[in-house]
C-alpha atoms as a PDB file:
ATOM      1  CA  MET A   1     140.687 114.903  47.674  1.00  0.00           C
ATOM      2  CA  GLY A   2     142.241 118.279  46.908  1.00  0.00           C
ATOM      3  CA  GLN A   3     140.928 121.596  48.176  1.00  0.00           C
ATOM      4  CA  GLU A   4     139.547 122.569  44.774  1.00  0.00           C
ATOM      5  CA  SER A   5     137.565 119.315  44.549  1.00  0.00           C
ATOM      6  CA  ILE A   6     136.190 119.853  48.050  1.00  0.00           C
ATOM      7  CA  LYS A   7     135.161 123.412  47.154  1.00  0.00           C
ATOM      8  CA  LEU A   8     133.331 122.232  44.031  1.00  0.00           C
ATOM      9  CA  GLU A   9     131.583 119.488  45.986  1.00  0.00           C
ATOM     10  CA  LEU A  10     130.469 122.026  48.593  1.00  0.00           C
ATOM     11  CA  ILE A  11     129.257 124.450  45.914  1.00  0.00           C
ATOM     12  CA  GLN A  12     127.143 121.725  44.310  1.00  0.00           C
ATOM     13  CA  TRP A  13     125.779 120.653  47.704  1.00  0.00           C
ATOM     14  CA  LEU A  14     124.956 124.225  48.703  1.00  0.00           C
ATOM     15  CA  ALA A  15     123.267 124.977  45.370  1.00  0.00           C
ATOM     16  CA  ASN A  16     120.811 122.135  46.028  1.00  0.00           C
ATOM     17  CA  LEU A  17     120.367 122.758  49.763  1.00  0.00           C
ATOM     18  CA  GLU A  18     116.808 123.577  50.823  1.00  0.00           C
ATOM     19  CA  ASP A  19     117.224 123.485  54.613  1.00  0.00           C
ATOM     20  CA  ASP A  20     116.760 127.096  55.749  1.00  0.00           C
ATOM     21  CA  GLU A  21     118.263 126.443  59.186  1.00  0.00           C
ATOM     22  CA  THR A  22     121.460 125.064  57.679  1.00  0.00           C
ATOM     23  CA  ILE A  23     121.663 127.938  55.194  1.00  0.00           C
ATOM     24  CA  ASP A  24     121.243 130.464  58.027  1.00  0.00           C
ATOM     25  CA  TYR A  25     123.942 128.691  60.045  1.00  0.00           C
ATOM     26  CA  LEU A  26     126.347 128.700  57.114  1.00  0.00           C
ATOM     27  CA  LYS A  27     125.695 132.431  56.619  1.00  0.00           C
ATOM     28  CA  VAL A  28     126.660 133.069  60.250  1.00  0.00           C
ATOM     29  CA  VAL A  29     129.850 131.052  59.791  1.00  0.00           C
ATOM     30  CA  LYS A  30     130.709 132.974  56.618  1.00  0.00           C
ATOM     31  CA  ASP A  31     129.998 136.348  58.193  1.00  0.00           C
ATOM     32  CA  SER A  32     132.011 135.543  61.309  1.00  0.00           C
ATOM     33  CA  ASN A  33     135.012 134.654  59.165  1.00  0.00           C
ATOM     34  CA  ASP A  34     134.639 137.817  57.105  1.00  0.00           C
ATOM     35  CA  THR A  35     134.375 140.272  59.960  1.00  0.00           C
ATOM     36  CA  GLN A  36     136.035 138.499  62.897  1.00  0.00           C
ATOM     37  CA  LYS A  37     133.122 139.758  65.000  1.00  0.00           C
ATOM     38  CA  ASP A  38     131.912 138.010  68.123  1.00  0.00           C
ATOM     39  CA  TRP A  39     129.481 135.247  67.110  1.00  0.00           C
ATOM     40  CA  TRP A  40     127.691 135.563  70.478  1.00  0.00           C
ATOM     41  CA  HIS A  41     125.746 138.533  69.134  1.00  0.00           C
ATOM     42  CA  ASP A  42     124.344 136.386  66.317  1.00  0.00           C
ATOM     43  CA  LEU A  43     122.793 133.831  68.694  1.00  0.00           C
ATOM     44  CA  THR A  44     119.113 133.890  69.507  1.00  0.00           C
ATOM     45  CA  ASP A  45     117.962 134.579  73.063  1.00  0.00           C
ATOM     46  CA  GLU A  46     116.961 130.908  73.292  1.00  0.00           C
ATOM     47  CA  GLN A  47     120.474 129.785  72.309  1.00  0.00           C
ATOM     48  CA  LYS A  48     122.074 132.162  74.818  1.00  0.00           C
ATOM     49  CA  SER A  49     119.730 130.931  77.534  1.00  0.00           C
ATOM     50  CA  GLY A  50     120.605 127.312  76.757  1.00  0.00           C
ATOM     51  CA  ILE A  51     124.316 128.074  77.031  1.00  0.00           C
ATOM     52  CA  ALA A  52     123.759 129.871  80.334  1.00  0.00           C
ATOM     53  CA  ARG A  53     121.800 126.873  81.698  1.00  0.00           C
ATOM     54  CA  GLY A  54     124.591 124.531  80.634  1.00  0.00           C
ATOM     55  CA  LEU A  55     127.261 126.665  82.277  1.00  0.00           C
ATOM     56  CA  LYS A  56     125.188 126.824  85.480  1.00  0.00           C
ATOM     57  CA  ASP A  57     124.895 123.023  85.455  1.00  0.00           C
ATOM     58  CA  VAL A  58     128.687 122.753  85.169  1.00  0.00           C
ATOM     59  CA  ASP A  59     129.222 125.271  87.978  1.00  0.00           C
ATOM     60  CA  GLU A  60     126.814 123.356  90.228  1.00  0.00           C
ATOM     61  CA  GLY A  61     128.340 119.959  89.449  1.00  0.00           C
ATOM     62  CA  ARG A  62     125.417 118.588  87.438  1.00  0.00           C
ATOM     63  CA  VAL A  63     127.598 116.919  84.849  1.00  0.00           C
ATOM     64  CA  HIS A  64     128.402 113.386  83.678  1.00  0.00           C
ATOM     65  CA  SER A  65     131.596 112.239  82.036  1.00  0.00           C
ATOM     66  CA  HIS A  66     131.615 110.923  78.496  1.00  0.00           C
ATOM     67  CA  ASN A  67     132.680 107.516  79.823  1.00  0.00           C
ATOM     68  CA  ASP A  68     129.738 107.418  82.267  1.00  0.00           C
ATOM     69  CA  ILE A  69     127.284 107.973  79.421  1.00  0.00           C
ATOM     70  CA  ILE A  70     128.956 105.296  77.287  1.00  0.00           C
ATOM     71  CA  MET A  71     128.738 102.804  80.148  1.00  0.00           C
ATOM     72  CA  LYS A  72     125.124 103.691  80.968  1.00  0.00           C
ATOM     73  CA  TYR A  73     123.782 103.538  77.422  1.00  0.00           C
ATOM     74  CA  GLY A  74     126.158 100.954  75.978  1.00  0.00           C
ATOM     75  CA  LEU A  75     127.406 103.116  73.179  1.00  0.00           C
END
């Protein structure tokens, strides 16, 4: 599928999209490409807090490898 076909498909999909969260996310993506600004400033406090918790877990060794999860849950 060529780039023009993909663009038209996305335009049609977006025109019918009613999911506000997805629309807001796409707006952030568009704006970040337009301005090259740091996307961190567009995150909510809850999102920033979640990232900080995840980084703390990594720093403190509370992590599991992808393979461990596959073995545990049989994925």
